[in-house]
Every structure is written in C-alpha cells, then in structure tokens.
Amino acid sequence: MSSFNVATATEDEVQLKKIAPTIQAINIRLKGTKREEEVLDTMKDMVNDILYRARLGVEAIPIATDPTMGSNSNYKNLEIIIHAQSPEKPNQAYQISITLQEQGSRGEPRLFKYVAKDWWYFYRALQVFLLKRLHLQAR
C-alpha cells in the first residue's frame, strides 16, 4: 500500500497545474484551383470529422510558466488553412499543406501527400497531427 503526500515545491521541484486548450471559434479556409475543389472538400470533411470526434485534453504545466506557453493549442480564433496542389501526372499524390494559426497571424504549414485510393493513411496522419497540435483526445 502506498501513500500520496502533497508537499510544497523545493528548489529542484516544479509545481504543476492542469490547463485545457481554449478554442472559441474555428474557421476552415480552402486554397486551390477549380481542379482541386473536390479534394479540398474531402480534406475539409476529414478535418471536420476529426474535430467532431475529438474532445479537449488536459495538460500539466509548471505554475510559474505563462499558461499560453504550455499548450500548442492556445488559439482563440483558430484558422485552419488547407491548400491543395494537383499532381503533375495522373495517379500521383496531391500535395496538401495544412496550416494552423490564430486568425490574422501566420502559421507554419505542415505538408502531406494525398492519394484518393489510400485516403485512410492520409486521414490517420491528419488525425495525429490535429490531435497533437490542438491537444485533443480521440473519443
């Protein structure tokens, strides 16, 4: 049998507190030509499905740290930009970039490859990316 003692932090210890991400609004923006419209709609549906099936996670951060630094998902007005570029030859992968950013700022795009017949591999990679970056948990 073990016991749990609550103690104050010493010089070598760090006290933690739990925080959850706070996203108030999500806007999905699509970038591409008419040629990529169908793929962009599929990407948007996948993002919406992943977000719908997720729940907020909780993260422990040091008390002395600014709460905005603890989580990758400190967005008030999250903007998800999906950009698709058609392959040069048939049966090649689409180049997809997905950027997560606070509305009005600039984020770093994450690059993916998408082949319609292998959609599940893209979906899983996208799911891992969104869950990790937005600190969400799959239901």
N, C-alpha and C. Protein backbone atom coordinates (compact mmCIF):
# COMPACT_ATOMS: atom_id res chain seq x y z
N MET A 1 0.85 -1.18 0.00
CA MET A 1 0.00 0.00 0.00
C MET A 1 0.89 1.24 0.00
N SER A 2 0.61 2.15 -0.89
CA SER A 2 1.42 3.36 -0.96
C SER A 2 0.58 4.55 -0.51
N SER A 3 1.28 5.58 -0.11
CA SER A 3 0.58 6.79 0.33
C SER A 3 0.96 7.93 -0.60
N PHE A 4 0.12 8.92 -0.66
CA PHE A 4 0.35 10.07 -1.52
C PHE A 4 0.44 11.30 -0.63
N ASN A 5 1.58 11.96 -0.67
CA ASN A 5 1.78 13.16 0.14
C ASN A 5 1.80 14.38 -0.75
N VAL A 6 1.09 15.41 -0.36
CA VAL A 6 1.12 16.68 -1.06
C VAL A 6 2.10 17.57 -0.33
N ALA A 7 3.08 18.08 -1.04
CA ALA A 7 4.09 18.93 -0.41
C ALA A 7 4.32 20.15 -1.28
N THR A 8 4.90 21.15 -0.69
CA THR A 8 5.24 22.33 -1.47
C THR A 8 6.52 22.05 -2.24
N ALA A 9 6.73 22.79 -3.31
CA ALA A 9 7.89 22.56 -4.18
C ALA A 9 9.16 23.09 -3.52
N THR A 10 10.21 22.33 -3.67
CA THR A 10 11.53 22.80 -3.24
C THR A 10 12.22 23.40 -4.45
N GLU A 11 13.49 23.76 -4.29
CA GLU A 11 14.23 24.38 -5.39
C GLU A 11 14.32 23.49 -6.62
N ASP A 12 14.41 22.18 -6.43
CA ASP A 12 14.57 21.25 -7.55
C ASP A 12 13.24 20.73 -8.08
N GLU A 13 12.16 21.06 -7.44
CA GLU A 13 10.85 20.57 -7.86
C GLU A 13 10.06 21.68 -8.53
N VAL A 14 9.11 21.27 -9.33
CA VAL A 14 8.25 22.23 -10.03
C VAL A 14 6.81 21.86 -9.76
N GLN A 15 6.03 22.82 -9.33
CA GLN A 15 4.60 22.58 -9.13
C GLN A 15 3.91 22.70 -10.48
N LEU A 16 2.94 21.83 -10.69
CA LEU A 16 2.21 21.81 -11.95
C LEU A 16 0.75 22.16 -11.73
N LYS A 17 0.15 22.73 -12.76
CA LYS A 17 -1.30 22.91 -12.74
C LYS A 17 -1.84 22.42 -14.07
N LYS A 18 -3.09 22.01 -14.08
CA LYS A 18 -3.69 21.47 -15.28
C LYS A 18 -4.45 22.56 -16.02
N ILE A 19 -4.25 22.60 -17.33
CA ILE A 19 -5.00 23.54 -18.16
C ILE A 19 -5.56 22.78 -19.35
N ALA A 20 -6.59 23.31 -19.92
CA ALA A 20 -7.19 22.75 -21.14
C ALA A 20 -7.12 23.82 -22.23
N PRO A 21 -7.01 23.40 -23.47
CA PRO A 21 -6.96 24.38 -24.55
C PRO A 21 -8.25 25.17 -24.63
N THR A 22 -8.15 26.39 -25.11
CA THR A 22 -9.33 27.24 -25.22
C THR A 22 -9.45 27.73 -26.66
N ILE A 23 -10.27 27.07 -27.42
CA ILE A 23 -10.55 27.47 -28.80
C ILE A 23 -12.00 27.93 -28.84
N GLN A 24 -12.19 29.20 -29.16
CA GLN A 24 -13.54 29.75 -29.17
C GLN A 24 -14.22 29.61 -30.52
N ALA A 25 -13.45 29.72 -31.60
CA ALA A 25 -14.02 29.63 -32.95
C ALA A 25 -13.02 28.96 -33.88
N ILE A 26 -13.54 28.20 -34.83
CA ILE A 26 -12.70 27.54 -35.82
C ILE A 26 -13.21 27.92 -37.20
N ASN A 27 -12.31 28.40 -38.04
CA ASN A 27 -12.63 28.74 -39.42
C ASN A 27 -11.73 27.92 -40.33
N ILE A 28 -12.32 27.22 -41.28
CA ILE A 28 -11.54 26.43 -42.23
C ILE A 28 -11.57 27.15 -43.57
N ARG A 29 -10.37 27.44 -44.08
CA ARG A 29 -10.24 28.15 -45.35
C ARG A 29 -9.57 27.23 -46.36
N LEU A 30 -10.12 27.18 -47.57
CA LEU A 30 -9.60 26.31 -48.62
C LEU A 30 -8.90 27.14 -49.68
N LYS A 31 -7.72 26.64 -50.12
CA LYS A 31 -6.96 27.32 -51.17
C LYS A 31 -6.63 26.31 -52.26
N GLY A 32 -6.95 26.67 -53.47
CA GLY A 32 -6.65 25.81 -54.60
C GLY A 32 -7.45 26.27 -55.81
N THR A 33 -7.27 25.58 -56.90
CA THR A 33 -7.98 25.93 -58.12
C THR A 33 -9.26 25.10 -58.23
N LYS A 34 -10.02 25.36 -59.25
CA LYS A 34 -11.25 24.60 -59.51
C LYS A 34 -10.92 23.11 -59.65
N ARG A 35 -9.75 22.83 -60.18
CA ARG A 35 -9.30 21.45 -60.39
C ARG A 35 -9.17 20.70 -59.06
N GLU A 36 -8.80 21.39 -57.99
CA GLU A 36 -8.63 20.74 -56.68
C GLU A 36 -9.87 20.83 -55.79
N GLU A 37 -10.94 21.39 -56.29
CA GLU A 37 -12.12 21.64 -55.46
C GLU A 37 -12.64 20.37 -54.77
N GLU A 38 -12.73 19.27 -55.48
CA GLU A 38 -13.24 18.03 -54.89
C GLU A 38 -12.33 17.53 -53.77
N VAL A 39 -11.02 17.58 -54.00
CA VAL A 39 -10.05 17.14 -52.98
C VAL A 39 -10.12 18.07 -51.77
N LEU A 40 -10.23 19.37 -52.00
CA LEU A 40 -10.33 20.32 -50.88
C LEU A 40 -11.59 20.07 -50.05
N ASP A 41 -12.69 19.78 -50.70
CA ASP A 41 -13.92 19.46 -49.97
C ASP A 41 -13.74 18.19 -49.14
N THR A 42 -13.04 17.21 -49.69
CA THR A 42 -12.76 15.97 -48.95
C THR A 42 -11.89 16.27 -47.73
N MET A 43 -10.88 17.11 -47.91
CA MET A 43 -9.99 17.48 -46.80
C MET A 43 -10.78 18.19 -45.70
N LYS A 44 -11.65 19.11 -46.11
CA LYS A 44 -12.47 19.85 -45.13
C LYS A 44 -13.36 18.89 -44.36
N ASP A 45 -13.97 17.92 -45.06
CA ASP A 45 -14.82 16.93 -44.39
C ASP A 45 -14.01 16.10 -43.40
N MET A 46 -12.78 15.74 -43.77
CA MET A 46 -11.92 14.96 -42.87
C MET A 46 -11.57 15.77 -41.62
N VAL A 47 -11.20 17.04 -41.80
CA VAL A 47 -10.87 17.89 -40.65
C VAL A 47 -12.08 18.02 -39.73
N ASN A 48 -13.24 18.30 -40.31
CA ASN A 48 -14.46 18.42 -39.51
C ASN A 48 -14.78 17.13 -38.77
N ASP A 49 -14.60 15.99 -39.42
CA ASP A 49 -14.85 14.69 -38.79
C ASP A 49 -13.91 14.46 -37.61
N ILE A 50 -12.63 14.76 -37.80
CA ILE A 50 -11.65 14.57 -36.72
C ILE A 50 -11.97 15.48 -35.54
N LEU A 51 -12.29 16.74 -35.81
CA LEU A 51 -12.62 17.67 -34.73
C LEU A 51 -13.91 17.27 -34.02
N TYR A 52 -14.89 16.80 -34.78
CA TYR A 52 -16.17 16.38 -34.19
C TYR A 52 -15.98 15.17 -33.27
N ARG A 53 -15.09 14.27 -33.65
CA ARG A 53 -14.89 13.04 -32.89
C ARG A 53 -13.87 13.19 -31.76
N ALA A 54 -13.34 14.38 -31.56
CA ALA A 54 -12.32 14.60 -30.53
C ALA A 54 -12.92 15.33 -29.33
N ARG A 55 -12.18 15.28 -28.25
CA ARG A 55 -12.56 16.04 -27.06
C ARG A 55 -11.32 16.75 -26.55
N LEU A 56 -11.53 17.78 -25.77
CA LEU A 56 -10.41 18.55 -25.24
C LEU A 56 -9.57 17.70 -24.30
N GLY A 57 -8.29 17.85 -24.40
CA GLY A 57 -7.37 17.19 -23.49
C GLY A 57 -6.98 18.15 -22.38
N VAL A 58 -6.30 17.63 -21.39
CA VAL A 58 -5.80 18.44 -20.28
C VAL A 58 -4.30 18.27 -20.24
N GLU A 59 -3.60 19.37 -19.98
CA GLU A 59 -2.14 19.36 -19.98
C GLU A 59 -1.65 19.93 -18.65
N ALA A 60 -0.60 19.34 -18.11
CA ALA A 60 0.00 19.85 -16.88
C ALA A 60 1.19 20.74 -17.25
N ILE A 61 1.19 21.98 -16.73
CA ILE A 61 2.28 22.91 -17.00
C ILE A 61 2.81 23.45 -15.67
N PRO A 62 4.05 23.89 -15.65
CA PRO A 62 4.59 24.49 -14.42
C PRO A 62 3.80 25.75 -14.05
N ILE A 63 3.53 25.93 -12.76
CA ILE A 63 2.75 27.08 -12.29
C ILE A 63 3.43 28.39 -12.65
N ALA A 64 4.75 28.43 -12.57
CA ALA A 64 5.47 29.68 -12.85
C ALA A 64 5.44 30.05 -14.33
N THR A 65 5.08 29.11 -15.19
CA THR A 65 5.08 29.34 -16.62
C THR A 65 3.81 30.07 -17.04
N ASP A 66 3.93 30.90 -18.03
CA ASP A 66 2.77 31.56 -18.63
C ASP A 66 1.89 30.49 -19.27
N PRO A 67 0.59 30.43 -18.96
CA PRO A 67 -0.28 29.39 -19.50
C PRO A 67 -0.31 29.34 -21.02
N THR A 68 -0.03 30.44 -21.67
CA THR A 68 -0.06 30.44 -23.13
C THR A 68 1.09 29.65 -23.72
N MET A 69 2.13 29.39 -22.93
CA MET A 69 3.28 28.65 -23.44
C MET A 69 3.13 27.15 -23.25
N GLY A 70 2.19 26.71 -22.45
CA GLY A 70 2.09 25.30 -22.14
C GLY A 70 1.49 24.47 -23.24
N SER A 71 0.56 25.01 -23.97
CA SER A 71 -0.16 24.22 -24.93
C SER A 71 0.06 24.73 -26.34
N ASN A 72 0.11 23.79 -27.29
CA ASN A 72 0.20 24.16 -28.70
C ASN A 72 -1.13 24.68 -29.21
N SER A 73 -2.17 24.59 -28.43
CA SER A 73 -3.49 24.91 -28.92
C SER A 73 -4.07 26.15 -28.28
N ASN A 74 -3.27 27.11 -27.97
CA ASN A 74 -3.77 28.34 -27.37
C ASN A 74 -4.27 29.28 -28.47
N TYR A 75 -5.38 28.91 -29.06
CA TYR A 75 -5.99 29.71 -30.11
C TYR A 75 -7.35 30.19 -29.62
N LYS A 76 -7.63 31.45 -29.83
CA LYS A 76 -8.99 31.91 -29.58
C LYS A 76 -9.82 31.73 -30.83
N ASN A 77 -9.28 32.21 -31.95
CA ASN A 77 -9.95 32.10 -33.24
C ASN A 77 -9.04 31.33 -34.18
N LEU A 78 -9.15 30.02 -34.10
CA LEU A 78 -8.31 29.13 -34.89
C LEU A 78 -8.71 29.19 -36.36
N GLU A 79 -7.70 29.35 -37.19
CA GLU A 79 -7.91 29.31 -38.63
C GLU A 79 -7.12 28.12 -39.17
N ILE A 80 -7.81 27.23 -39.86
CA ILE A 80 -7.18 26.07 -40.48
C ILE A 80 -7.20 26.32 -41.98
N ILE A 81 -6.02 26.44 -42.57
CA ILE A 81 -5.93 26.71 -44.00
C ILE A 81 -5.47 25.43 -44.68
N ILE A 82 -6.28 24.97 -45.63
CA ILE A 82 -5.97 23.76 -46.38
C ILE A 82 -5.67 24.17 -47.82
N HIS A 83 -4.47 23.86 -48.27
CA HIS A 83 -4.06 24.20 -49.63
C HIS A 83 -3.75 22.90 -50.36
N ALA A 84 -4.31 22.74 -51.56
CA ALA A 84 -4.06 21.54 -52.35
C ALA A 84 -3.43 21.91 -53.69
N GLN A 85 -2.50 21.07 -54.12
CA GLN A 85 -1.87 21.25 -55.41
C GLN A 85 -1.97 19.93 -56.16
N SER A 86 -2.51 20.00 -57.37
CA SER A 86 -2.70 18.80 -58.19
C SER A 86 -1.37 18.18 -58.59
N PRO A 87 -1.38 16.84 -58.75
CA PRO A 87 -0.16 16.18 -59.22
C PRO A 87 0.10 16.50 -60.69
N GLU A 88 1.35 16.40 -61.08
CA GLU A 88 1.71 16.67 -62.48
C GLU A 88 1.23 15.56 -63.40
N LYS A 89 1.19 14.32 -62.91
CA LYS A 89 0.76 13.18 -63.71
C LYS A 89 -0.39 12.48 -63.01
N PRO A 90 -1.26 11.80 -63.78
CA PRO A 90 -2.35 11.03 -63.16
C PRO A 90 -1.81 9.96 -62.21
N ASN A 91 -2.60 9.62 -61.22
CA ASN A 91 -2.28 8.59 -60.23
C ASN A 91 -1.11 8.94 -59.31
N GLN A 92 -0.70 10.20 -59.29
CA GLN A 92 0.29 10.65 -58.33
C GLN A 92 -0.43 11.34 -57.17
N ALA A 93 0.31 11.59 -56.11
CA ALA A 93 -0.29 12.18 -54.90
C ALA A 93 -0.49 13.69 -55.05
N TYR A 94 -1.58 14.17 -54.47
CA TYR A 94 -1.79 15.61 -54.32
C TYR A 94 -0.85 16.11 -53.23
N GLN A 95 -0.34 17.29 -53.37
CA GLN A 95 0.44 17.94 -52.32
C GLN A 95 -0.53 18.76 -51.48
N ILE A 96 -0.63 18.45 -50.22
CA ILE A 96 -1.55 19.12 -49.32
C ILE A 96 -0.75 19.82 -48.23
N SER A 97 -1.06 21.07 -47.98
CA SER A 97 -0.46 21.75 -46.82
C SER A 97 -1.59 22.22 -45.92
N ILE A 98 -1.38 22.01 -44.64
CA ILE A 98 -2.37 22.42 -43.64
C ILE A 98 -1.67 23.32 -42.65
N THR A 99 -2.24 24.51 -42.46
CA THR A 99 -1.67 25.50 -41.56
C THR A 99 -2.65 25.78 -40.44
N LEU A 100 -2.18 25.71 -39.21
CA LEU A 100 -2.97 26.09 -38.04
C LEU A 100 -2.42 27.42 -37.56
N GLN A 101 -3.30 28.39 -37.40
CA GLN A 101 -2.85 29.70 -36.96
C GLN A 101 -3.98 30.46 -36.30
N GLU A 102 -3.59 31.41 -35.47
CA GLU A 102 -4.55 32.35 -34.91
C GLU A 102 -4.98 33.26 -36.06
N GLN A 103 -6.27 33.51 -36.15
CA GLN A 103 -6.77 34.34 -37.24
C GLN A 103 -6.02 35.68 -37.26
N GLY A 104 -5.52 36.04 -38.44
CA GLY A 104 -4.79 37.29 -38.60
C GLY A 104 -3.29 37.15 -38.43
N SER A 105 -2.81 35.97 -38.04
CA SER A 105 -1.37 35.76 -37.89
C SER A 105 -0.92 34.74 -38.94
N ARG A 106 0.35 34.40 -38.90
CA ARG A 106 0.89 33.42 -39.86
C ARG A 106 1.35 32.18 -39.11
N GLY A 107 0.95 31.03 -39.62
CA GLY A 107 1.37 29.77 -39.04
C GLY A 107 2.31 29.04 -39.97
N GLU A 108 2.88 27.96 -39.48
CA GLU A 108 3.81 27.15 -40.26
C GLU A 108 3.03 26.00 -40.92
N PRO A 109 3.05 25.89 -42.26
CA PRO A 109 2.30 24.81 -42.91
C PRO A 109 2.93 23.44 -42.67
N ARG A 110 2.09 22.45 -42.56
CA ARG A 110 2.53 21.05 -42.45
C ARG A 110 2.17 20.38 -43.78
N LEU A 111 3.13 19.72 -44.39
CA LEU A 111 2.94 19.12 -45.71
C LEU A 111 2.52 17.66 -45.60
N PHE A 112 1.58 17.28 -46.47
CA PHE A 112 1.08 15.91 -46.56
C PHE A 112 0.99 15.53 -48.03
N LYS A 113 0.91 14.23 -48.28
CA LYS A 113 0.60 13.73 -49.62
C LYS A 113 -0.71 12.98 -49.52
N TYR A 114 -1.55 13.15 -50.55
CA TYR A 114 -2.88 12.52 -50.53
C TYR A 114 -3.13 11.80 -51.84
N VAL A 115 -3.45 10.51 -51.73
CA VAL A 115 -3.88 9.71 -52.87
C VAL A 115 -5.26 9.18 -52.49
N ALA A 116 -6.25 9.43 -53.35
CA ALA A 116 -7.63 9.09 -53.02
C ALA A 116 -7.82 7.63 -52.65
N LYS A 117 -7.16 6.72 -53.38
CA LYS A 117 -7.36 5.29 -53.08
C LYS A 117 -6.76 4.89 -51.73
N ASP A 118 -5.79 5.66 -51.24
CA ASP A 118 -5.17 5.40 -49.94
C ASP A 118 -5.56 6.46 -48.92
N TRP A 119 -6.80 6.91 -48.97
CA TRP A 119 -7.27 8.02 -48.13
C TRP A 119 -7.07 7.75 -46.65
N TRP A 120 -7.16 6.49 -46.22
CA TRP A 120 -7.09 6.18 -44.80
C TRP A 120 -5.73 6.57 -44.20
N TYR A 121 -4.65 6.38 -44.97
CA TYR A 121 -3.31 6.75 -44.47
C TYR A 121 -3.21 8.25 -44.25
N PHE A 122 -3.78 9.00 -45.18
CA PHE A 122 -3.79 10.46 -45.03
C PHE A 122 -4.64 10.85 -43.82
N TYR A 123 -5.81 10.24 -43.69
CA TYR A 123 -6.71 10.56 -42.58
C TYR A 123 -6.02 10.33 -41.24
N ARG A 124 -5.34 9.19 -41.10
CA ARG A 124 -4.66 8.89 -39.82
C ARG A 124 -3.53 9.88 -39.53
N ALA A 125 -2.75 10.24 -40.56
CA ALA A 125 -1.67 11.21 -40.37
C ALA A 125 -2.25 12.57 -39.99
N LEU A 126 -3.34 12.96 -40.63
CA LEU A 126 -4.00 14.23 -40.32
C LEU A 126 -4.57 14.19 -38.91
N GLN A 127 -5.16 13.08 -38.52
CA GLN A 127 -5.72 12.95 -37.18
C GLN A 127 -4.64 13.10 -36.12
N VAL A 128 -3.52 12.42 -36.29
CA VAL A 128 -2.42 12.52 -35.33
C VAL A 128 -1.94 13.96 -35.24
N PHE A 129 -1.77 14.60 -36.38
CA PHE A 129 -1.30 16.00 -36.43
C PHE A 129 -2.26 16.92 -35.68
N LEU A 130 -3.56 16.84 -35.98
CA LEU A 130 -4.53 17.74 -35.35
C LEU A 130 -4.67 17.46 -33.85
N LEU A 131 -4.73 16.20 -33.48
CA LEU A 131 -4.89 15.87 -32.06
C LEU A 131 -3.69 16.36 -31.25
N LYS A 132 -2.50 16.19 -31.80
CA LYS A 132 -1.29 16.61 -31.09
C LYS A 132 -1.21 18.14 -31.02
N ARG A 133 -1.35 18.80 -32.15
CA ARG A 133 -1.18 20.26 -32.19
C ARG A 133 -2.28 21.01 -31.45
N LEU A 134 -3.50 20.48 -31.45
CA LEU A 134 -4.61 21.15 -30.78
C LEU A 134 -4.86 20.58 -29.39
N HIS A 135 -4.02 19.66 -28.99
CA HIS A 135 -4.12 19.00 -27.68
C HIS A 135 -5.54 18.47 -27.45
N LEU A 136 -5.95 17.61 -28.37
CA LEU A 136 -7.25 16.96 -28.29
C LEU A 136 -7.03 15.48 -28.06
N GLN A 137 -8.11 14.80 -27.68
CA GLN A 137 -8.04 13.34 -27.50
C GLN A 137 -9.15 12.72 -28.31
N ALA A 138 -8.84 11.59 -28.94
CA ALA A 138 -9.86 10.87 -29.71
C ALA A 138 -10.89 10.32 -28.75
N ARG A 139 -12.13 10.31 -29.18
CA ARG A 139 -13.21 9.71 -28.36
C ARG A 139 -13.32 8.25 -28.63
